[in-house]
């Protein structure tokens, strides 16, 4: 898809004006957008329809303790009504994200807290 082909470029969505297409992949599409309230440019990611249907995928966002022993920590929260759907969605996310070898992924299937 090219910028000229994307019907969202130039439109407004949830307080953002979409300026251009930055990239697309299995998880969704990333746009360069302008935050209309703060008057600054941001990256706006829209999840692919299959990832945003029933459950929720929140993040990635910095963990509550974003850095421990010199290592940065991020979290992705997957919420679903059924355990098996959550596991399937998580498996899809982990296969779609192209992570560097140095990145360690830890899955906590029932976190008491997000620390």
PDB file of N, CA and C in Angstrom:
ATOM      1  N   UNK A   1       0.839  -1.177   0.000  1.00  0.00           N
ATOM      2  CA  UNK A   1       0.000   0.000   0.000  1.00  0.00           C
ATOM      3  C   UNK A   1       0.882   1.236   0.000  1.00  0.00           C
ATOM      4  N   UNK A   2       0.540   2.224  -0.775  1.00  0.00           N
ATOM      5  CA  UNK A   2       1.267   3.480  -0.826  1.00  0.00           C
ATOM      6  C   UNK A   2       0.418   4.566  -0.192  1.00  0.00           C
ATOM      7  N   UNK A   3       1.064   5.687   0.145  1.00  0.00           N
ATOM      8  CA  UNK A   3       0.353   6.798   0.777  1.00  0.00           C
ATOM      9  C   UNK A   3      -0.839   7.227  -0.051  1.00  0.00           C
ATOM     10  N   UNK A   4      -0.668   7.300  -1.340  1.00  0.00           N
ATOM     11  CA  UNK A   4      -1.758   7.766  -2.201  1.00  0.00           C
ATOM     12  C   UNK A   4      -2.933   6.793  -2.210  1.00  0.00           C
ATOM     13  N   UNK A   5      -2.689   5.520  -1.856  1.00  0.00           N
ATOM     14  CA  UNK A   5      -3.739   4.514  -1.835  1.00  0.00           C
ATOM     15  C   UNK A   5      -4.499   4.472  -0.508  1.00  0.00           C
ATOM     16  N   UNK A   6      -3.962   5.065   0.546  1.00  0.00           N
ATOM     17  CA  UNK A   6      -4.548   4.945   1.870  1.00  0.00           C
ATOM     18  C   UNK A   6      -5.625   6.012   2.078  1.00  0.00           C
ATOM     19  N   UNK A   7      -6.879   5.592   2.252  1.00  0.00           N
ATOM     20  CA  UNK A   7      -7.965   6.556   2.402  1.00  0.00           C
ATOM     21  C   UNK A   7      -7.945   7.300   3.735  1.00  0.00           C
ATOM     22  N   UNK A   8      -7.157   6.831   4.718  1.00  0.00           N
ATOM     23  CA  UNK A   8      -7.127   7.502   6.028  1.00  0.00           C
ATOM     24  C   UNK A   8      -6.235   8.747   6.039  1.00  0.00           C
ATOM     25  N   UNK A   9      -5.265   8.824   5.129  1.00  0.00           N
ATOM     26  CA  UNK A   9      -4.364   9.973   5.089  1.00  0.00           C
ATOM     27  C   UNK A   9      -5.186  11.234   4.814  1.00  0.00           C
ATOM     28  N   UNK A  10      -4.994  12.237   5.690  1.00  0.00           N
ATOM     29  CA  UNK A  10      -5.729  13.492   5.563  1.00  0.00           C
ATOM     30  C   UNK A  10      -7.006  13.534   6.391  1.00  0.00           C
ATOM     31  N   UNK A  11      -7.388  12.421   6.995  1.00  0.00           N
ATOM     32  CA  UNK A  11      -8.608  12.398   7.807  1.00  0.00           C
ATOM     33  C   UNK A  11      -8.261  12.576   9.287  1.00  0.00           C
ATOM     34  N   UNK A  12      -9.297  12.774  10.108  1.00  0.00           N
ATOM     35  CA  UNK A  12      -9.124  12.890  11.550  1.00  0.00           C
ATOM     36  C   UNK A  12      -9.724  11.667  12.225  1.00  0.00           C
ATOM     37  N   UNK A  13      -9.033  11.214  13.282  1.00  0.00           N
ATOM     38  CA  UNK A  13      -9.469  10.039  14.018  1.00  0.00           C
ATOM     39  C   UNK A  13      -9.110  10.227  15.485  1.00  0.00           C
ATOM     40  N   UNK A  14     -10.114  10.259  16.344  1.00  0.00           N
ATOM     41  CA  UNK A  14      -9.926  10.307  17.806  1.00  0.00           C
ATOM     42  C   UNK A  14      -8.967  11.414  18.255  1.00  0.00           C
ATOM     43  N   UNK A  15      -9.078  12.592  17.670  1.00  0.00           N
ATOM     44  CA  UNK A  15      -8.236  13.713  18.070  1.00  0.00           C
ATOM     45  C   UNK A  15      -6.906  13.807  17.369  1.00  0.00           C
ATOM     46  N   UNK A  16      -6.710  12.995  16.332  1.00  0.00           N
ATOM     47  CA  UNK A  16      -5.469  13.007  15.557  1.00  0.00           C
ATOM     48  C   UNK A  16      -5.790  13.238  14.095  1.00  0.00           C
ATOM     49  N   UNK A  17      -4.938  14.009  13.406  1.00  0.00           N
ATOM     50  CA  UNK A  17      -5.035  14.165  11.956  1.00  0.00           C
ATOM     51  C   UNK A  17      -3.947  13.294  11.355  1.00  0.00           C
ATOM     52  N   UNK A  18      -4.342  12.356  10.513  1.00  0.00           N
ATOM     53  CA  UNK A  18      -3.392  11.425   9.911  1.00  0.00           C
ATOM     54  C   UNK A  18      -2.682  12.120   8.764  1.00  0.00           C
ATOM     55  N   UNK A  19      -1.342  12.186   8.869  1.00  0.00           N
ATOM     56  CA  UNK A  19      -0.516  12.922   7.909  1.00  0.00           C
ATOM     57  C   UNK A  19      -0.001  12.003   6.804  1.00  0.00           C
ATOM     58  N   UNK A  20       0.558  10.858   7.187  1.00  0.00           N
ATOM     59  CA  UNK A  20       1.108   9.953   6.182  1.00  0.00           C
ATOM     60  C   UNK A  20       1.236   8.546   6.753  1.00  0.00           C
ATOM     61  N   UNK A  21       1.422   7.608   5.861  1.00  0.00           N
ATOM     62  CA  UNK A  21       1.632   6.216   6.223  1.00  0.00           C
ATOM     63  C   UNK A  21       3.111   6.010   6.526  1.00  0.00           C
ATOM     64  N   UNK A  22       3.425   5.449   7.710  1.00  0.00           N
ATOM     65  CA  UNK A  22       4.818   5.162   8.061  1.00  0.00           C
ATOM     66  C   UNK A  22       5.183   3.713   7.775  1.00  0.00           C
ATOM     67  N   UNK A  23       4.254   2.797   8.028  1.00  0.00           N
ATOM     68  CA  UNK A  23       4.558   1.391   7.810  1.00  0.00           C
ATOM     69  C   UNK A  23       3.350   0.519   8.095  1.00  0.00           C
ATOM     70  N   UNK A  24       3.445  -0.725   7.626  1.00  0.00           N
ATOM     71  CA  UNK A  24       2.380  -1.669   7.908  1.00  0.00           C
ATOM     72  C   UNK A  24       2.971  -3.047   8.059  1.00  0.00           C
ATOM     73  N   UNK A  25       2.259  -3.874   8.845  1.00  0.00           N
ATOM     74  CA  UNK A  25       2.728  -5.226   9.100  1.00  0.00           C
ATOM     75  C   UNK A  25       1.580  -6.084   9.580  1.00  0.00           C
ATOM     76  N   UNK A  26       1.906  -7.233  10.135  1.00  0.00           N
ATOM     77  CA  UNK A  26       0.883  -8.174  10.565  1.00  0.00           C
ATOM     78  C   UNK A  26       0.029  -7.675  11.703  1.00  0.00           C
ATOM     79  N   UNK A  27       0.581  -6.790  12.551  1.00  0.00           N
ATOM     80  CA  UNK A  27      -0.189  -6.303  13.692  1.00  0.00           C
ATOM     81  C   UNK A  27      -1.057  -5.107  13.338  1.00  0.00           C
ATOM     82  N   UNK A  28      -0.756  -4.397  12.283  1.00  0.00           N
ATOM     83  CA  UNK A  28      -1.559  -3.231  11.928  1.00  0.00           C
ATOM     84  C   UNK A  28      -0.805  -2.249  11.063  1.00  0.00           C
ATOM     85  N   UNK A  29      -1.241  -0.995  11.140  1.00  0.00           N
ATOM     86  CA  UNK A  29      -0.700   0.077  10.311  1.00  0.00           C
ATOM     87  C   UNK A  29      -0.226   1.197  11.230  1.00  0.00           C
ATOM     88  N   UNK A  30       0.917   1.805  10.900  1.00  0.00           N
ATOM     89  CA  UNK A  30       1.442   2.922  11.681  1.00  0.00           C
ATOM     90  C   UNK A  30       1.440   4.166  10.800  1.00  0.00           C
ATOM     91  N   UNK A  31       0.862   5.240  11.348  1.00  0.00           N
ATOM     92  CA  UNK A  31       0.771   6.509  10.633  1.00  0.00           C
ATOM     93  C   UNK A  31       1.552   7.588  11.360  1.00  0.00           C
ATOM     94  N   UNK A  32       2.042   8.548  10.605  1.00  0.00           N
ATOM     95  CA  UNK A  32       2.501   9.801  11.174  1.00  0.00           C
ATOM     96  C   UNK A  32       1.239  10.634  11.329  1.00  0.00           C
ATOM     97  N   UNK A  33       0.988  11.116  12.547  1.00  0.00           N
ATOM     98  CA  UNK A  33      -0.238  11.856  12.807  1.00  0.00           C
ATOM     99  C   UNK A  33       0.090  13.091  13.626  1.00  0.00           C
ATOM    100  N   UNK A  34      -0.838  14.035  13.630  1.00  0.00           N
ATOM    101  CA  UNK A  34      -0.698  15.232  14.450  1.00  0.00           C
ATOM    102  C   UNK A  34      -1.732  15.173  15.558  1.00  0.00           C
ATOM    103  N   UNK A  35      -1.262  15.285  16.801  1.00  0.00           N
ATOM    104  CA  UNK A  35      -2.155  15.360  17.947  1.00  0.00           C
ATOM    105  C   UNK A  35      -2.770  16.759  17.913  1.00  0.00           C
ATOM    106  N   UNK A  36      -4.064  16.840  17.665  1.00  0.00           N
ATOM    107  CA  UNK A  36      -4.712  18.137  17.477  1.00  0.00           C
ATOM    108  C   UNK A  36      -4.770  18.951  18.760  1.00  0.00           C
ATOM    109  N   UNK A  37      -4.783  18.288  19.904  1.00  0.00           N
ATOM    110  CA  UNK A  37      -4.844  18.994  21.184  1.00  0.00           C
ATOM    111  C   UNK A  37      -3.472  19.519  21.588  1.00  0.00           C
ATOM    112  N   UNK A  38      -2.441  18.689  21.460  1.00  0.00           N
ATOM    113  CA  UNK A  38      -1.092  19.073  21.886  1.00  0.00           C
ATOM    114  C   UNK A  38      -0.275  19.740  20.788  1.00  0.00           C
ATOM    115  N   UNK A  39      -0.797  19.704  19.558  1.00  0.00           N
ATOM    116  CA  UNK A  39      -0.115  20.333  18.412  1.00  0.00           C
ATOM    117  C   UNK A  39       1.292  19.796  18.221  1.00  0.00           C
ATOM    118  N   UNK A  40       1.410  18.464  18.227  1.00  0.00           N
ATOM    119  CA  UNK A  40       2.705  17.847  17.953  1.00  0.00           C
ATOM    120  C   UNK A  40       2.489  16.582  17.137  1.00  0.00           C
ATOM    121  N   UNK A  41       3.558  16.152  16.473  1.00  0.00           N
ATOM    122  CA  UNK A  41       3.469  14.958  15.634  1.00  0.00           C
ATOM    123  C   UNK A  41       3.763  13.712  16.466  1.00  0.00           C
ATOM    124  N   UNK A  42       3.019  12.652  16.180  1.00  0.00           N
ATOM    125  CA  UNK A  42       3.155  11.399  16.909  1.00  0.00           C
ATOM    126  C   UNK A  42       3.038  10.241  15.925  1.00  0.00           C
ATOM    127  N   UNK A  43       3.440   9.052  16.371  1.00  0.00           N
ATOM    128  CA  UNK A  43       3.184   7.834  15.608  1.00  0.00           C
ATOM    129  C   UNK A  43       1.879   7.248  16.137  1.00  0.00           C
ATOM    130  N   UNK A  44       0.951   6.954  15.253  1.00  0.00           N
ATOM    131  CA  UNK A  44      -0.360   6.421  15.621  1.00  0.00           C
ATOM    132  C   UNK A  44      -0.486   5.031  15.017  1.00  0.00           C
ATOM    133  N   UNK A  45      -0.669   4.020  15.887  1.00  0.00           N
ATOM    134  CA  UNK A  45      -0.766   2.645  15.405  1.00  0.00           C
ATOM    135  C   UNK A  45      -2.205   2.177  15.507  1.00  0.00           C
ATOM    136  N   UNK A  46      -2.717   1.643  14.405  1.00  0.00           N
ATOM    137  CA  UNK A  46      -4.047   1.055  14.375  1.00  0.00           C
ATOM    138  C   UNK A  46      -3.878  -0.443  14.221  1.00  0.00           C
ATOM    139  N   UNK A  47      -4.447  -1.205  15.157  1.00  0.00           N
ATOM    140  CA  UNK A  47      -4.322  -2.656  15.113  1.00  0.00           C
ATOM    141  C   UNK A  47      -5.120  -3.245  13.964  1.00  0.00           C
ATOM    142  N   UNK A  48      -4.618  -4.340  13.438  1.00  0.00           N
ATOM    143  CA  UNK A  48      -5.332  -5.080  12.392  1.00  0.00           C
ATOM    144  C   UNK A  48      -6.660  -5.575  12.969  1.00  0.00           C
ATOM    145  N   UNK A  49      -7.670  -5.671  12.125  1.00  0.00           N
ATOM    146  CA  UNK A  49      -9.015  -6.039  12.560  1.00  0.00           C
ATOM    147  C   UNK A  49      -9.036  -7.343  13.352  1.00  0.00           C
ATOM    148  N   UNK A  50      -8.266  -8.317  12.968  1.00  0.00           N
ATOM    149  CA  UNK A  50      -8.246  -9.598  13.664  1.00  0.00           C
ATOM    150  C   UNK A  50      -7.715  -9.514  15.083  1.00  0.00           C
ATOM    151  N   UNK A  51      -6.928  -8.481  15.392  1.00  0.00           N
ATOM    152  CA  UNK A  51      -6.380  -8.326  16.735  1.00  0.00           C
ATOM    153  C   UNK A  51      -7.251  -7.445  17.617  1.00  0.00           C
ATOM    154  N   UNK A  52      -8.156  -6.712  17.031  1.00  0.00           N
ATOM    155  CA  UNK A  52      -8.929  -5.754  17.810  1.00  0.00           C
ATOM    156  C   UNK A  52     -10.415  -6.086  17.866  1.00  0.00           C
ATOM    157  N   UNK A  53     -10.818  -7.275  17.458  1.00  0.00           N
ATOM    158  CA  UNK A  53     -12.241  -7.593  17.378  1.00  0.00           C
ATOM    159  C   UNK A  53     -12.926  -7.654  18.735  1.00  0.00           C
ATOM    160  N   UNK A  54     -12.744  -8.735  19.481  1.00  0.00           N
ATOM    161  CA  UNK A  54     -13.498  -8.938  20.708  1.00  0.00           C
ATOM    162  C   UNK A  54     -12.713  -8.534  21.945  1.00  0.00           C
ATOM    163  N   UNK A  55     -11.494  -8.998  22.048  1.00  0.00           N
ATOM    164  CA  UNK A  55     -10.686  -8.693  23.211  1.00  0.00           C
ATOM    165  C   UNK A  55      -9.941  -7.391  23.026  1.00  0.00           C
ATOM    166  N   UNK A  56      -8.938  -7.209  23.874  1.00  0.00           N
ATOM    167  CA  UNK A  56      -8.144  -5.986  23.807  1.00  0.00           C
ATOM    168  C   UNK A  56      -6.663  -6.326  23.830  1.00  0.00           C
ATOM    169  N   UNK A  57      -5.893  -5.535  23.118  1.00  0.00           N
ATOM    170  CA  UNK A  57      -4.440  -5.583  23.195  1.00  0.00           C
ATOM    171  C   UNK A  57      -4.017  -4.172  23.567  1.00  0.00           C
ATOM    172  N   UNK A  58      -3.446  -4.036  24.756  1.00  0.00           N
ATOM    173  CA  UNK A  58      -3.035  -2.722  25.251  1.00  0.00           C
ATOM    174  C   UNK A  58      -1.520  -2.659  25.289  1.00  0.00           C
ATOM    175  N   UNK A  59      -0.972  -1.633  24.707  1.00  0.00           N
ATOM    176  CA  UNK A  59       0.473  -1.479  24.703  1.00  0.00           C
ATOM    177  C   UNK A  59       1.029  -1.677  23.309  1.00  0.00           C
ATOM    178  N   UNK A  60       2.313  -1.741  23.175  1.00  0.00           N
ATOM    179  CA  UNK A  60       3.284  -1.779  24.257  1.00  0.00           C
ATOM    180  C   UNK A  60       3.400  -0.442  24.978  1.00  0.00           C
ATOM    181  N   UNK A  61       3.668  -0.521  26.265  1.00  0.00           N
ATOM    182  CA  UNK A  61       3.876   0.666  27.086  1.00  0.00           C
ATOM    183  C   UNK A  61       4.965   0.355  28.106  1.00  0.00           C
ATOM    184  N   UNK A  62       5.619   1.399  28.624  1.00  0.00           N
ATOM    185  CA  UNK A  62       6.652   1.145  29.624  1.00  0.00           C
ATOM    186  C   UNK A  62       6.036   0.452  30.841  1.00  0.00           C
ATOM    187  N   UNK A  63       6.766  -0.489  31.423  1.00  0.00           N
ATOM    188  CA  UNK A  63       6.309  -1.161  32.634  1.00  0.00           C
ATOM    189  C   UNK A  63       6.291  -0.147  33.780  1.00  0.00           C
ATOM    190  N   UNK A  64       5.539  -0.429  34.865  1.00  0.00           N
ATOM    191  CA  UNK A  64       5.524   0.499  36.002  1.00  0.00           C
ATOM    192  C   UNK A  64       6.921   0.790  36.551  1.00  0.00           C
ATOM    193  N   UNK A  65       7.792  -0.191  36.539  1.00  0.00           N
ATOM    194  CA  UNK A  65       9.215   0.031  36.832  1.00  0.00           C
ATOM    195  C   UNK A  65       9.935  -0.127  35.498  1.00  0.00           C
ATOM    196  N   UNK A  66      10.097   0.979  34.765  1.00  0.00           N
ATOM    197  CA  UNK A  66      10.549   0.872  33.375  1.00  0.00           C
ATOM    198  C   UNK A  66      11.989   0.428  33.175  1.00  0.00           C
ATOM    199  N   UNK A  67      12.791   0.486  34.231  1.00  0.00           N
ATOM    200  CA  UNK A  67      14.190   0.088  34.065  1.00  0.00           C
ATOM    201  C   UNK A  67      14.682  -0.550  35.365  1.00  0.00           C
ATOM    202  N   UNK A  68      15.184  -1.770  35.251  1.00  0.00           N
ATOM    203  CA  UNK A  68      15.735  -2.479  36.398  1.00  0.00           C
ATOM    204  C   UNK A  68      17.095  -3.030  36.001  1.00  0.00           C
ATOM    205  N   UNK A  69      18.100  -2.760  36.838  1.00  0.00           N
ATOM    206  CA  UNK A  69      19.473  -3.218  36.579  1.00  0.00           C
ATOM    207  C   UNK A  69      19.953  -2.884  35.170  1.00  0.00           C
ATOM    208  N   UNK A  70      19.627  -1.663  34.722  1.00  0.00           N
ATOM    209  CA  UNK A  70      20.099  -1.209  33.425  1.00  0.00           C
ATOM    210  C   UNK A  70      19.342  -1.758  32.228  1.00  0.00           C
ATOM    211  N   UNK A  71      18.279  -2.521  32.474  1.00  0.00           N
ATOM    212  CA  UNK A  71      17.492  -3.095  31.373  1.00  0.00           C
ATOM    213  C   UNK A  71      16.124  -2.423  31.317  1.00  0.00           C
ATOM    214  N   UNK A  72      15.729  -2.053  30.112  1.00  0.00           N
ATOM    215  CA  UNK A  72      14.421  -1.438  29.917  1.00  0.00           C
ATOM    216  C   UNK A  72      13.343  -2.503  29.892  1.00  0.00           C
ATOM    217  N   UNK A  73      12.166  -2.178  30.448  1.00  0.00           N
ATOM    218  CA  UNK A  73      11.051  -3.126  30.522  1.00  0.00           C
ATOM    219  C   UNK A  73       9.807  -2.511  29.884  1.00  0.00           C
ATOM    220  N   UNK A  74       9.125  -3.292  29.062  1.00  0.00           N
ATOM    221  CA  UNK A  74       7.884  -2.881  28.413  1.00  0.00           C
ATOM    222  C   UNK A  74       6.855  -3.972  28.643  1.00  0.00           C
ATOM    223  N   UNK A  75       5.601  -3.605  28.519  1.00  0.00           N
ATOM    224  CA  UNK A  75       4.553  -4.598  28.710  1.00  0.00           C
ATOM    225  C   UNK A  75       3.476  -4.474  27.640  1.00  0.00           C
ATOM    226  N   UNK A  76       2.884  -5.606  27.314  1.00  0.00           N
ATOM    227  CA  UNK A  76       1.721  -5.687  26.440  1.00  0.00           C
ATOM    228  C   UNK A  76       0.682  -6.478  27.221  1.00  0.00           C
ATOM    229  N   UNK A  77      -0.500  -5.933  27.356  1.00  0.00           N
ATOM    230  CA  UNK A  77      -1.574  -6.599  28.084  1.00  0.00           C
ATOM    231  C   UNK A  77      -2.586  -7.128  27.081  1.00  0.00           C
ATOM    232  N   UNK A  78      -2.830  -8.433  27.126  1.00  0.00           N
ATOM    233  CA  UNK A  78      -3.807  -9.079  26.249  1.00  0.00           C
ATOM    234  C   UNK A  78      -5.003  -9.463  27.104  1.00  0.00           C
ATOM    235  N   UNK A  79      -6.182  -8.941  26.751  1.00  0.00           N
ATOM    236  CA  UNK A  79      -7.395  -9.229  27.519  1.00  0.00           C
ATOM    237  C   UNK A  79      -8.411  -9.939  26.625  1.00  0.00           C
ATOM    238  N   UNK A  80      -8.910 -11.044  27.096  1.00  0.00           N
ATOM    239  CA  UNK A  80      -9.919 -11.822  26.380  1.00  0.00           C
ATOM    240  C   UNK A  80     -10.891 -12.419  27.390  1.00  0.00           C
ATOM    241  N   UNK A  81     -12.067 -12.799  26.924  1.00  0.00           N
ATOM    242  CA  UNK A  81     -13.049 -13.443  27.799  1.00  0.00           C
ATOM    243  C   UNK A  81     -12.675 -14.901  28.074  1.00  0.00           C
ATOM    244  N   UNK A  82     -12.053 -15.545  27.116  1.00  0.00           N
ATOM    245  CA  UNK A  82     -11.702 -16.961  27.251  1.00  0.00           C
ATOM    246  C   UNK A  82     -10.186 -17.132  27.236  1.00  0.00           C
ATOM    247  N   UNK A  83      -9.709 -18.028  28.093  1.00  0.00           N
ATOM    248  CA  UNK A  83      -8.282 -18.283  28.228  1.00  0.00           C
ATOM    249  C   UNK A  83      -7.647 -18.701  26.902  1.00  0.00           C
ATOM    250  N   UNK A  84      -8.283 -19.602  26.190  1.00  0.00           N
ATOM    251  CA  UNK A  84      -7.708 -20.108  24.941  1.00  0.00           C
ATOM    252  C   UNK A  84      -7.600 -19.011  23.885  1.00  0.00           C
ATOM    253  N   UNK A  85      -8.585 -18.117  23.826  1.00  0.00           N
ATOM    254  CA  UNK A  85      -8.511 -17.002  22.872  1.00  0.00           C
ATOM    255  C   UNK A  85      -7.363 -16.071  23.217  1.00  0.00           C
ATOM    256  N   UNK A  86      -7.134 -15.845  24.512  1.00  0.00           N
ATOM    257  CA  UNK A  86      -6.016 -14.992  24.940  1.00  0.00           C
ATOM    258  C   UNK A  86      -4.691 -15.621  24.525  1.00  0.00           C
ATOM    259  N   UNK A  87      -4.574 -16.922  24.707  1.00  0.00           N
ATOM    260  CA  UNK A  87      -3.337 -17.610  24.332  1.00  0.00           C
ATOM    261  C   UNK A  87      -3.115 -17.562  22.820  1.00  0.00           C
ATOM    262  N   UNK A  88      -4.177 -17.728  22.062  1.00  0.00           N
ATOM    263  CA  UNK A  88      -4.079 -17.662  20.601  1.00  0.00           C
ATOM    264  C   UNK A  88      -3.670 -16.265  20.152  1.00  0.00           C
ATOM    265  N   UNK A  89      -4.283 -15.251  20.746  1.00  0.00           N
ATOM    266  CA  UNK A  89      -3.955 -13.867  20.394  1.00  0.00           C
ATOM    267  C   UNK A  89      -2.503 -13.558  20.756  1.00  0.00           C
ATOM    268  N   UNK A  90      -2.063 -14.007  21.931  1.00  0.00           N
ATOM    269  CA  UNK A  90      -0.695 -13.779  22.352  1.00  0.00           C
ATOM    270  C   UNK A  90       0.286 -14.477  21.416  1.00  0.00           C
ATOM    271  N   UNK A  91      -0.025 -15.701  21.028  1.00  0.00           N
ATOM    272  CA  UNK A  91       0.831 -16.441  20.089  1.00  0.00           C
ATOM    273  C   UNK A  91       0.945 -15.678  18.767  1.00  0.00           C
ATOM    274  N   UNK A  92      -0.182 -15.151  18.298  1.00  0.00           N
ATOM    275  CA  UNK A  92      -0.175 -14.363  17.060  1.00  0.00           C
ATOM    276  C   UNK A  92       0.696 -13.130  17.205  1.00  0.00           C
ATOM    277  N   UNK A  93       0.543 -12.413  18.317  1.00  0.00           N
ATOM    278  CA  UNK A  93       1.352 -11.218  18.550  1.00  0.00           C
ATOM    279  C   UNK A  93       2.842 -11.542  18.562  1.00  0.00           C
ATOM    280  N   UNK A  94       3.203 -12.598  19.269  1.00  0.00           N
ATOM    281  CA  UNK A  94       4.624 -12.942  19.389  1.00  0.00           C
ATOM    282  C   UNK A  94       5.230 -13.400  18.073  1.00  0.00           C
ATOM    283  N   UNK A  95       4.440 -13.984  17.192  1.00  0.00           N
ATOM    284  CA  UNK A  95       4.977 -14.390  15.900  1.00  0.00           C
ATOM    285  C   UNK A  95       5.026 -13.228  14.914  1.00  0.00           C
ATOM    286  N   UNK A  96       4.172 -12.226  15.102  1.00  0.00           N
ATOM    287  CA  UNK A  96       4.136 -11.086  14.190  1.00  0.00           C
ATOM    288  C   UNK A  96       5.192 -10.029  14.513  1.00  0.00           C
ATOM    289  N   UNK A  97       5.593  -9.951  15.790  1.00  0.00           N
ATOM    290  CA  UNK A  97       6.572  -8.948  16.199  1.00  0.00           C
ATOM    291  C   UNK A  97       7.969  -9.467  15.862  1.00  0.00           C
ATOM    292  N   UNK A  98       8.736  -8.669  15.137  1.00  0.00           N
ATOM    293  CA  UNK A  98      10.105  -9.044  14.776  1.00  0.00           C
ATOM    294  C   UNK A  98      11.042  -8.484  15.844  1.00  0.00           C
ATOM    295  N   UNK A  99      11.305  -9.282  16.881  1.00  0.00           N
ATOM    296  CA  UNK A  99      12.119  -8.840  18.002  1.00  0.00           C
ATOM    297  C   UNK A  99      13.591  -9.156  17.776  1.00  0.00           C
ATOM    298  N   UNK A 100      14.463  -8.244  18.201  1.00  0.00           N
ATOM    299  CA  UNK A 100      15.900  -8.544  18.149  1.00  0.00           C
ATOM    300  C   UNK A 100      16.222  -9.712  19.073  1.00  0.00           C
ATOM    301  N   UNK A 101      17.295 -10.420  18.789  1.00  0.00           N
ATOM    302  CA  UNK A 101      17.674 -11.591  19.599  1.00  0.00           C
ATOM    303  C   UNK A 101      17.932 -11.234  21.059  1.00  0.00           C
ATOM    304  N   UNK A 102      18.375 -10.022  21.326  1.00  0.00           N
ATOM    305  CA  UNK A 102      18.710  -9.620  22.695  1.00  0.00           C
ATOM    306  C   UNK A 102      17.471  -9.375  23.556  1.00  0.00           C
ATOM    307  N   UNK A 103      16.294  -9.320  22.957  1.00  0.00           N
ATOM    308  CA  UNK A 103      15.067  -9.055  23.704  1.00  0.00           C
ATOM    309  C   UNK A 103      14.557 -10.343  24.327  1.00  0.00           C
ATOM    310  N   UNK A 104      14.283 -10.273  25.606  1.00  0.00           N
ATOM    311  CA  UNK A 104      13.760 -11.427  26.343  1.00  0.00           C
ATOM    312  C   UNK A 104      12.260 -11.208  26.569  1.00  0.00           C
ATOM    313  N   UNK A 105      11.453 -12.217  26.254  1.00  0.00           N
ATOM    314  CA  UNK A 105      10.007 -12.136  26.437  1.00  0.00           C
ATOM    315  C   UNK A 105       9.606 -13.055  27.582  1.00  0.00           C
ATOM    316  N   UNK A 106       8.882 -12.488  28.553  1.00  0.00           N
ATOM    317  CA  UNK A 106       8.358 -13.262  29.675  1.00  0.00           C
ATOM    318  C   UNK A 106       6.842 -13.147  29.622  1.00  0.00           C
ATOM    319  N   UNK A 107       6.158 -14.292  29.671  1.00  0.00           N
ATOM    320  CA  UNK A 107       4.695 -14.306  29.623  1.00  0.00           C
ATOM    321  C   UNK A 107       4.171 -14.679  31.000  1.00  0.00           C
ATOM    322  N   UNK A 108       3.337 -13.808  31.548  1.00  0.00           N
ATOM    323  CA  UNK A 108       2.678 -14.063  32.834  1.00  0.00           C
ATOM    324  C   UNK A 108       1.189 -14.191  32.527  1.00  0.00           C
ATOM    325  N   UNK A 109       0.655 -15.411  32.592  1.00  0.00           N
ATOM    326  CA  UNK A 109      -0.718 -15.649  32.135  1.00  0.00           C
ATOM    327  C   UNK A 109      -1.780 -15.162  33.107  1.00  0.00           C
ATOM    328  N   UNK A 110      -1.424 -14.900  34.356  1.00  0.00           N
ATOM    329  CA  UNK A 110      -2.404 -14.412  35.317  1.00  0.00           C
ATOM    330  C   UNK A 110      -1.716 -13.488  36.309  1.00  0.00           C
ATOM    331  N   UNK A 111      -1.317 -12.286  35.855  1.00  0.00           N
ATOM    332  CA  UNK A 111      -0.552 -11.404  36.739  1.00  0.00           C
ATOM    333  C   UNK A 111      -1.412 -10.861  37.875  1.00  0.00           C
ATOM    334  N   UNK A 112      -0.868 -10.893  39.083  1.00  0.00           N
ATOM    335  CA  UNK A 112      -1.542 -10.277  40.228  1.00  0.00           C
ATOM    336  C   UNK A 112      -1.379  -8.782  40.126  1.00  0.00           C
ATOM    337  N   UNK A 113      -0.213  -8.345  39.737  1.00  0.00           N
ATOM    338  CA  UNK A 113       0.035  -6.935  39.452  1.00  0.00           C
ATOM    339  C   UNK A 113       0.972  -6.886  38.251  1.00  0.00           C
ATOM    340  N   UNK A 114       1.162  -5.718  37.724  1.00  0.00           N
ATOM    341  CA  UNK A 114       1.982  -5.605  36.515  1.00  0.00           C
ATOM    342  C   UNK A 114       3.398  -5.134  36.815  1.00  0.00           C
ATOM    343  N   UNK A 115       3.880  -5.343  38.037  1.00  0.00           N
ATOM    344  CA  UNK A 115       5.265  -5.037  38.370  1.00  0.00           C
ATOM    345  C   UNK A 115       6.103  -6.208  38.001  1.00  0.00           C
TER     346      UNK A 115
END
